[in-house]
């Protein structure tokens, strides 16, 4: 079972909290202006 989690946030602030590291997977962070998108895919 693959897990794909996408978190989007507009404005400023921390996008990924330290607890997110508990997910064993790849983390991709894309920032365009003030719009941030983080995708976490579990292996």
C-alpha atoms as a PDB file:
ATOM      1  CA  UNK A   1       0.000   0.000   0.000  1.00  0.00           C
ATOM      2  CA  UNK A   2       1.623   3.196  -1.195  1.00  0.00           C
ATOM      3  CA  UNK A   3       1.068   6.371   0.794  1.00  0.00           C
ATOM      4  CA  UNK A   4       1.105   9.718  -0.932  1.00  0.00           C
ATOM      5  CA  UNK A   5       0.689  12.809   1.210  1.00  0.00           C
ATOM      6  CA  UNK A   6       0.611  16.307  -0.177  1.00  0.00           C
ATOM      7  CA  UNK A   7       0.595  19.386   2.044  1.00  0.00           C
ATOM      8  CA  UNK A   8       0.052  22.819   0.566  1.00  0.00           C
ATOM      9  CA  UNK A   9       0.308  26.116   2.405  1.00  0.00           C
ATOM     10  CA  UNK A  10      -0.092  29.675   1.230  1.00  0.00           C
ATOM     11  CA  UNK A  11       1.707  32.507   2.941  1.00  0.00           C
ATOM     12  CA  UNK A  12       4.717  31.992   5.170  1.00  0.00           C
ATOM     13  CA  UNK A  13       5.552  29.548   7.931  1.00  0.00           C
ATOM     14  CA  UNK A  14       6.982  26.092   8.486  1.00  0.00           C
ATOM     15  CA  UNK A  15       5.544  23.609   6.006  1.00  0.00           C
ATOM     16  CA  UNK A  16       6.840  20.360   7.461  1.00  0.00           C
ATOM     17  CA  UNK A  17       6.956  19.800  11.201  1.00  0.00           C
ATOM     18  CA  UNK A  18       9.600  17.595  12.786  1.00  0.00           C
ATOM     19  CA  UNK A  19       7.031  14.839  13.324  1.00  0.00           C
ATOM     20  CA  UNK A  20       6.755  14.384   9.585  1.00  0.00           C
ATOM     21  CA  UNK A  21      10.156  12.675   9.638  1.00  0.00           C
ATOM     22  CA  UNK A  22       8.398   9.668  11.167  1.00  0.00           C
ATOM     23  CA  UNK A  23       7.099   8.869   7.690  1.00  0.00           C
ATOM     24  CA  UNK A  24       9.652   6.644   5.977  1.00  0.00           C
ATOM     25  CA  UNK A  25       9.684   8.030   2.478  1.00  0.00           C
ATOM     26  CA  UNK A  26      10.855  10.622   0.044  1.00  0.00           C
ATOM     27  CA  UNK A  27      10.193  14.289   0.680  1.00  0.00           C
ATOM     28  CA  UNK A  28       9.864  16.772  -2.144  1.00  0.00           C
ATOM     29  CA  UNK A  29       9.540  20.486  -1.431  1.00  0.00           C
ATOM     30  CA  UNK A  30       8.631  22.989  -4.098  1.00  0.00           C
ATOM     31  CA  UNK A  31       8.384  26.716  -3.466  1.00  0.00           C
ATOM     32  CA  UNK A  32       6.970  29.248  -5.897  1.00  0.00           C
ATOM     33  CA  UNK A  33       6.738  32.708  -4.404  1.00  0.00           C
ATOM     34  CA  UNK A  34       4.745  32.466  -1.187  1.00  0.00           C
ATOM     35  CA  UNK A  35       3.107  29.204  -2.235  1.00  0.00           C
ATOM     36  CA  UNK A  36       4.717  26.061  -0.836  1.00  0.00           C
ATOM     37  CA  UNK A  37       3.959  22.469  -1.763  1.00  0.00           C
ATOM     38  CA  UNK A  38       5.415  19.483   0.062  1.00  0.00           C
ATOM     39  CA  UNK A  39       4.895  15.950  -1.184  1.00  0.00           C
ATOM     40  CA  UNK A  40       5.799  12.972   0.995  1.00  0.00           C
ATOM     41  CA  UNK A  41       5.729   9.569  -0.688  1.00  0.00           C
ATOM     42  CA  UNK A  42       6.163   6.453   1.437  1.00  0.00           C
ATOM     43  CA  UNK A  43       8.396   3.753  -0.013  1.00  0.00           C
END
